[in-house]
Amino acid sequence: MRKSSLIIKYRDQDATEVISEDMESFTWTDVASGEADTFSVTLNDRTRKWLKGFFPSQKDYIKTWIKVTDWMREKDNRKRFCGRFQVDSFTASGSGNTFQIDAISIPIRKSFNVTRRNKTFKKTTVKRILRDIAKRAKCKLVYQAKNYHIDEISQSGETDMSFGFSLCDQYDLGMKVYNKKIIVYDKTRYEKRKISYTIDRSQLGESGAYSFSRQIANLYDGVKLQYTNKDDKTVTYKYVVPGKKGKRLLFVSASADSHADAERKAKAELLKNLRSASTITLNLMGDPRYLAATTFRLTGMGKLNGKYFIDSVTHSKQGKYNTSITAHPVVTNIK
């Protein structure tokens, strides 16, 4: 008989048994970039043992794993590490006798998402700026992309977290905070990677199995960016997607250090719009193999068939273990 369960350590102490006996539900949301991962667990507290004996502190953290046994077939036994999460809040509710613990993947005890900084960086690189941010957050930087040169950029009243996400966004980089690491990767390179799995229409349920949306307003043939160069002259960079006529251009307002910098920022903005133009959400039987920032092949869906990149995955269990995937068709034709 297939079985799914949660393994949990609280401040590195095994809490699986004590939490499992009272657990009503759990939710883990895994995000590719732009947001922190989150984890929450809801416990039945009819005896008030949690309210009487537990009160989280700022130092508390959780490590969790999803475990499946005999899942797709006999002896299909797997375990997926969800990550390390800082306890962010807890809620006790007398009406439903419930106790909920919420946690987040960012280091909330540090200034990472709290302190607003004003600083101008000169003659530096993307990697160097992110390395300083990671150091302040007591995280390890894992950098898996080209290191772009920056003449000058300002962090104006932004937290390190929001500035880091914004900086990566300008250069088509993904940024993920996971297990005390800040992972930075090339989005286009990730979308070009080999597919991790195939999802067929037959794997979806009937009610609320999927939803698809397309925003025509975000579909562009190319992009145009104007910037002022070092000689104080206005220069225009224009790019048309191969095979398109360039009748529908995205106009970008951004500063640029050079023509190469303008090209990177313009294409990054174009890619962001094209990726947001079409999105799909799939609701499936739970499976810990589904992760954010991976690709899959969708089949059995007619015109929607193709290769997709996963933007976020939510694994949840309330009785049954389910997985919800949000993804977009890969965009890899921007040269």
Protein backbone atom coordinates (compact mmCIF):
# COMPACT_ATOMS: atom_id res chain seq x y z
CA MET A 1 0.00 0.00 0.00
CA ARG A 2 1.41 3.38 -0.99
CA LYS A 3 2.15 5.73 1.86
CA SER A 4 3.33 9.35 2.19
CA SER A 5 4.71 10.93 5.33
CA LEU A 6 6.64 13.91 6.64
CA ILE A 7 10.01 13.71 8.36
CA ILE A 8 10.77 16.76 10.45
CA LYS A 9 13.62 18.00 12.61
CA TYR A 10 13.13 20.95 14.93
CA ARG A 11 16.45 22.64 15.75
CA ASP A 12 18.10 19.42 14.52
CA GLN A 13 16.16 17.28 16.99
CA ASP A 14 13.94 14.56 15.49
CA ALA A 15 10.34 15.72 15.92
CA THR A 16 8.73 13.37 13.39
CA GLU A 17 6.80 11.20 15.85
CA VAL A 18 5.51 13.94 18.13
CA ILE A 19 4.35 16.09 15.21
CA SER A 20 2.98 13.25 13.05
CA GLU A 21 0.58 12.04 15.74
CA ASP A 22 -1.18 15.44 15.78
CA MET A 23 -0.61 16.60 12.19
CA GLU A 24 -3.72 17.56 10.22
CA SER A 25 -1.96 19.02 7.18
CA PHE A 26 1.28 20.39 5.79
CA THR A 27 2.18 22.60 2.83
CA TRP A 28 5.57 23.15 1.20
CA THR A 29 5.88 25.72 -1.59
CA ASP A 30 9.05 25.52 -3.69
CA VAL A 31 9.72 28.63 -5.82
CA ALA A 32 12.16 28.95 -8.75
CA SER A 33 13.00 32.64 -8.22
CA GLY A 34 11.71 35.94 -6.88
CA GLU A 35 10.24 34.68 -3.60
CA ALA A 36 11.24 32.60 -0.60
CA ASP A 37 10.20 28.97 -0.17
CA THR A 38 7.68 28.40 2.61
CA PHE A 39 6.59 25.53 4.84
CA SER A 40 3.65 25.23 7.21
CA VAL A 41 2.22 22.46 9.37
CA THR A 42 -1.17 22.44 11.10
CA LEU A 43 -1.57 20.36 14.26
CA ASN A 44 -4.63 19.19 16.17
CA ASP A 45 -4.37 20.70 19.63
CA ARG A 46 -7.50 19.39 21.37
CA THR A 47 -5.49 18.50 24.49
CA ARG A 48 -3.75 21.94 24.47
CA LYS A 49 -0.37 20.24 24.75
CA TRP A 50 1.11 22.46 22.03
CA LEU A 51 -0.29 25.67 23.46
CA LYS A 52 0.90 24.71 26.94
CA GLY A 53 4.30 23.35 26.03
CA PHE A 54 5.49 25.16 22.89
CA PHE A 55 6.42 28.73 22.14
CA PRO A 56 8.82 29.42 19.22
CA SER A 57 11.79 31.76 19.46
CA GLN A 58 13.69 33.69 16.80
CA LYS A 59 16.38 31.01 16.81
CA ASP A 60 14.03 28.15 15.90
CA TYR A 61 14.37 26.42 12.55
CA ILE A 62 12.90 23.36 10.87
CA LYS A 63 14.31 20.83 8.44
CA THR A 64 11.78 18.74 6.54
CA TRP A 65 11.64 15.80 4.15
CA ILE A 66 8.74 14.23 2.24
CA LYS A 67 8.92 10.44 2.24
CA VAL A 68 6.93 8.09 -0.01
CA THR A 69 6.78 4.29 0.23
CA ASP A 70 5.63 1.89 -2.52
CA TRP A 71 4.48 5.02 -4.31
CA MET A 72 4.14 4.43 -8.05
CA ARG A 73 4.86 0.74 -7.71
CA GLU A 74 6.11 -1.72 -5.12
CA LYS A 75 9.51 -0.76 -3.68
CA ASP A 76 9.28 2.77 -5.12
CA ASN A 77 10.60 4.29 -1.89
CA ARG A 78 11.92 7.87 -2.02
CA LYS A 79 12.73 10.78 0.23
CA ARG A 80 12.97 14.46 -0.79
CA PHE A 81 14.68 17.11 1.33
CA CYS A 82 12.45 20.21 1.33
CA GLY A 83 14.98 22.51 2.94
CA ARG A 84 15.83 24.43 6.08
CA PHE A 85 13.20 26.93 7.21
CA GLN A 86 13.30 29.63 9.85
CA VAL A 87 10.18 29.64 12.04
CA ASP A 88 8.34 32.79 11.05
CA SER A 89 5.04 32.64 12.94
CA PHE A 90 2.62 30.40 14.77
CA THR A 91 -1.12 30.58 15.21
CA ALA A 92 -3.24 29.00 17.95
CA SER A 93 -6.98 28.80 17.34
CA GLY A 94 -9.38 27.84 20.10
CA SER A 95 -12.40 27.50 17.86
CA GLY A 96 -10.85 24.70 15.84
CA ASN A 97 -8.35 23.48 18.42
CA THR A 98 -5.55 23.92 15.92
CA PHE A 99 -1.95 25.01 16.17
CA GLN A 100 -0.12 26.13 13.01
CA ILE A 101 3.61 26.68 12.55
CA ASP A 102 4.76 28.70 9.53
CA ALA A 103 8.37 28.86 8.37
CA ILE A 104 10.31 30.50 5.55
CA SER A 105 13.58 29.75 3.75
CA ILE A 106 15.15 33.19 4.23
CA PRO A 107 17.38 34.00 7.24
CA ILE A 108 14.92 36.19 9.17
CA ARG A 109 17.28 36.72 12.12
CA LYS A 110 19.63 38.64 9.83
CA SER A 111 19.08 41.98 8.09
CA PHE A 112 18.51 40.25 4.74
CA ASN A 113 14.83 41.17 4.43
CA VAL A 114 14.60 43.91 7.08
CA THR A 115 17.31 46.56 6.80
CA ARG A 116 16.88 49.09 4.01
CA ARG A 117 20.21 50.15 2.59
CA ASN A 118 21.43 53.10 0.54
CA LYS A 119 24.64 52.32 -1.28
CA THR A 120 26.18 52.99 -4.68
CA PHE A 121 28.34 50.27 -6.22
CA LYS A 122 30.99 51.30 -8.75
CA LYS A 123 33.27 49.27 -11.03
CA THR A 124 31.95 45.95 -9.77
CA THR A 125 30.17 42.79 -10.95
CA VAL A 126 26.85 41.09 -10.31
CA LYS A 127 28.60 38.23 -8.54
CA ARG A 128 30.57 40.53 -6.24
CA ILE A 129 27.43 42.38 -5.15
CA LEU A 130 25.57 39.12 -4.47
CA ARG A 131 28.58 37.70 -2.65
CA ASP A 132 28.45 40.65 -0.22
CA ILE A 133 24.70 40.18 0.24
CA ALA A 134 25.17 36.45 0.94
CA LYS A 135 27.95 37.19 3.43
CA ARG A 136 25.75 39.57 5.42
CA ALA A 137 22.97 36.97 5.43
CA LYS A 138 25.39 34.24 6.64
CA CYS A 139 24.58 32.25 3.51
CA LYS A 140 26.80 30.57 0.94
CA LEU A 141 26.60 32.00 -2.60
CA VAL A 142 26.27 29.40 -5.36
CA TYR A 143 26.74 31.30 -8.62
CA GLN A 144 25.93 29.39 -11.84
CA ALA A 145 25.93 32.09 -14.50
CA LYS A 146 28.09 34.53 -16.42
CA ASN A 147 29.51 37.29 -14.25
CA TYR A 148 28.34 40.63 -15.66
CA HIS A 149 30.37 43.83 -15.20
CA ILE A 150 28.60 46.87 -13.75
CA ASP A 151 29.98 50.41 -13.97
CA GLU A 152 27.57 51.84 -11.43
CA ILE A 153 24.35 50.80 -9.68
CA SER A 154 22.56 52.02 -6.56
CA GLN A 155 20.71 50.19 -3.83
CA SER A 156 18.23 52.89 -2.87
CA GLY A 157 16.22 52.17 0.26
CA GLU A 158 15.88 48.48 -0.59
CA THR A 159 16.52 45.43 1.56
CA ASP A 160 19.26 43.06 0.43
CA MET A 161 16.61 40.52 -0.51
CA SER A 162 14.58 42.83 -2.76
CA PHE A 163 17.72 44.39 -4.27
CA GLY A 164 19.20 40.95 -4.99
CA PHE A 165 16.03 39.75 -6.70
CA SER A 166 15.80 42.98 -8.73
CA LEU A 167 19.46 42.86 -9.76
CA CYS A 168 19.15 39.27 -10.97
CA ASP A 169 15.96 40.13 -12.83
CA GLN A 170 17.81 42.77 -14.89
CA TYR A 171 20.23 40.15 -16.23
CA ASP A 172 17.88 37.18 -16.79
CA LEU A 173 19.16 35.44 -13.68
CA GLY A 174 17.16 33.40 -11.22
CA MET A 175 17.81 33.73 -7.49
CA LYS A 176 16.69 31.13 -4.97
CA VAL A 177 17.25 31.08 -1.21
CA TYR A 178 17.52 27.45 -0.12
CA ASN A 179 19.08 25.64 2.85
CA LYS A 180 21.30 28.60 3.90
CA LYS A 181 22.41 29.12 0.31
CA ILE A 182 21.71 31.87 -2.21
CA ILE A 183 21.64 30.10 -5.56
CA VAL A 184 21.95 32.24 -8.70
CA TYR A 185 21.46 30.69 -12.14
CA ASP A 186 21.03 31.58 -15.81
CA LYS A 187 17.30 31.23 -16.53
CA THR A 188 17.69 30.61 -20.26
CA ARG A 189 20.36 27.98 -19.67
CA TYR A 190 18.08 26.23 -17.18
CA GLU A 191 15.19 26.29 -19.67
CA LYS A 192 17.43 24.64 -22.26
CA ARG A 193 18.28 21.77 -19.94
CA LYS A 194 17.12 18.23 -20.58
CA ILE A 195 13.55 17.51 -19.45
CA SER A 196 13.33 15.94 -16.01
CA TYR A 197 10.00 14.11 -16.54
CA THR A 198 6.92 13.83 -18.74
CA ILE A 199 3.45 14.70 -17.47
CA ASP A 200 0.52 13.31 -19.43
CA ARG A 201 -3.15 14.36 -19.33
CA SER A 202 -3.96 10.91 -17.93
CA GLN A 203 -2.06 11.78 -14.74
CA LEU A 204 -4.38 14.69 -13.96
CA GLY A 205 -7.62 14.43 -12.06
CA GLU A 206 -10.97 15.48 -13.50
CA SER A 207 -12.14 18.29 -11.23
CA GLY A 208 -9.80 21.30 -11.32
CA ALA A 209 -7.18 19.23 -13.10
CA TYR A 210 -5.56 22.17 -14.85
CA SER A 211 -5.91 25.81 -15.80
CA PHE A 212 -4.21 27.65 -18.65
CA SER A 213 -4.07 31.35 -19.45
CA ARG A 214 -2.49 33.45 -22.20
CA GLN A 215 -1.98 37.21 -22.01
CA ILE A 216 -1.77 38.50 -25.58
CA ALA A 217 -0.58 41.88 -24.26
CA ASN A 218 2.72 40.29 -23.18
CA LEU A 219 3.53 38.78 -26.57
CA TYR A 220 6.13 40.88 -28.39
CA ASP A 221 8.13 40.52 -31.61
CA GLY A 222 11.12 42.35 -30.18
CA VAL A 223 12.37 45.04 -27.84
CA LYS A 224 13.76 48.60 -28.00
CA LEU A 225 15.76 50.37 -25.31
CA GLN A 226 17.14 53.91 -25.32
CA TYR A 227 20.01 54.92 -23.05
CA THR A 228 22.54 57.72 -22.67
CA ASN A 229 26.13 56.68 -23.34
CA LYS A 230 29.35 58.02 -21.80
CA ASP A 231 29.49 60.79 -24.42
CA ASP A 232 26.06 61.98 -23.25
CA LYS A 233 24.43 60.85 -26.49
CA THR A 234 21.12 59.01 -26.70
CA VAL A 235 21.63 55.57 -28.21
CA THR A 236 18.93 53.08 -29.22
CA TYR A 237 19.27 49.32 -28.98
CA LYS A 238 16.74 47.28 -30.95
CA TYR A 239 16.28 43.52 -31.17
CA VAL A 240 13.76 41.51 -33.20
CA VAL A 241 13.04 37.87 -32.38
CA PRO A 242 14.29 35.56 -35.18
CA GLY A 243 11.44 34.81 -37.60
CA LYS A 244 9.36 37.81 -36.48
CA LYS A 245 8.75 41.07 -38.36
CA GLY A 246 9.24 43.41 -35.42
CA LYS A 247 5.83 45.07 -35.72
CA ARG A 248 5.11 44.72 -32.01
CA LEU A 249 8.03 46.03 -29.93
CA LEU A 250 8.42 46.27 -26.18
CA PHE A 251 9.81 49.68 -25.18
CA VAL A 252 12.09 49.49 -22.13
CA SER A 253 13.11 52.39 -19.94
CA ALA A 254 16.38 51.53 -18.19
CA SER A 255 19.88 52.83 -17.71
CA ALA A 256 22.78 51.01 -19.35
CA ASP A 257 26.55 51.15 -18.95
CA SER A 258 27.25 50.18 -22.56
CA HIS A 259 25.70 48.77 -25.72
CA ALA A 260 26.34 45.24 -24.40
CA ASP A 261 24.69 46.13 -21.09
CA ALA A 262 21.68 47.58 -22.96
CA GLU A 263 21.39 44.36 -24.96
CA ARG A 264 21.42 42.19 -21.83
CA LYS A 265 18.84 44.30 -20.00
CA ALA A 266 16.54 44.67 -23.01
CA LYS A 267 16.53 40.95 -23.74
CA ALA A 268 16.00 40.15 -20.05
CA GLU A 269 12.89 42.36 -20.02
CA LEU A 270 11.63 40.80 -23.25
CA LEU A 271 12.14 37.30 -21.85
CA LYS A 272 10.27 38.20 -18.66
CA ASN A 273 7.26 39.35 -20.66
CA LEU A 274 7.26 36.35 -22.99
CA ARG A 275 7.52 33.91 -20.08
CA SER A 276 4.58 35.53 -18.31
CA ALA A 277 2.42 35.48 -21.44
CA SER A 278 1.37 31.83 -21.03
CA THR A 279 1.06 29.95 -17.75
CA ILE A 280 -0.39 26.60 -16.78
CA THR A 281 -1.30 25.07 -13.43
CA LEU A 282 -1.49 21.28 -13.09
CA ASN A 283 -2.97 19.44 -10.12
CA LEU A 284 -1.66 15.90 -9.69
CA MET A 285 -1.29 13.08 -7.23
CA GLY A 286 1.55 14.08 -4.93
CA ASP A 287 5.08 13.21 -5.95
CA PRO A 288 8.27 14.62 -4.35
CA ARG A 289 10.17 14.44 -7.63
CA TYR A 290 8.42 17.61 -8.89
CA LEU A 291 10.66 20.60 -8.15
CA ALA A 292 10.80 24.28 -9.11
CA ALA A 293 13.37 25.35 -11.74
CA THR A 294 13.15 22.02 -13.60
CA THR A 295 11.63 21.29 -17.02
CA PHE A 296 9.06 18.73 -18.11
CA ARG A 297 7.29 17.58 -21.26
CA LEU A 298 3.49 17.97 -21.31
CA THR A 299 1.62 15.44 -23.48
CA GLY A 300 -1.99 14.54 -24.21
CA MET A 301 -3.09 18.21 -24.08
CA GLY A 302 -3.36 19.05 -27.77
CA LYS A 303 -2.18 22.59 -28.52
CA LEU A 304 -0.82 22.91 -24.99
CA ASN A 305 1.70 20.10 -25.48
CA GLY A 306 5.37 21.04 -25.23
CA LYS A 307 8.29 21.71 -22.94
CA TYR A 308 7.63 23.72 -19.76
CA PHE A 309 9.69 25.31 -17.00
CA ILE A 310 8.35 25.00 -13.44
CA ASP A 311 8.00 28.37 -11.69
CA SER A 312 6.63 26.98 -8.44
CA VAL A 313 5.43 23.71 -6.89
CA THR A 314 3.17 23.30 -3.89
CA HIS A 315 3.25 19.95 -2.09
CA SER A 316 0.43 19.56 0.42
CA LYS A 317 -1.27 16.87 2.42
CA GLN A 318 -4.62 16.99 4.14
CA GLY A 319 -5.75 13.41 4.04
CA LYS A 320 -4.30 12.88 0.55
CA TYR A 321 -0.91 14.01 -0.67
CA ASN A 322 -1.23 16.34 -3.70
CA THR A 323 1.09 18.41 -5.86
CA SER A 324 0.21 21.60 -7.74
CA ILE A 325 2.60 22.83 -10.44
CA THR A 326 2.69 26.31 -11.98
CA ALA A 327 4.79 26.53 -15.16
CA HIS A 328 5.32 28.37 -18.44
CA PRO A 329 6.35 27.17 -21.92
CA VAL A 330 10.12 27.54 -22.26
CA VAL A 331 11.41 30.53 -24.21
CA THR A 332 14.79 29.69 -25.70
CA ASN A 333 14.74 31.43 -29.11
CA ILE A 334 16.16 34.76 -27.94
CA LYS A 335 19.71 34.73 -29.26
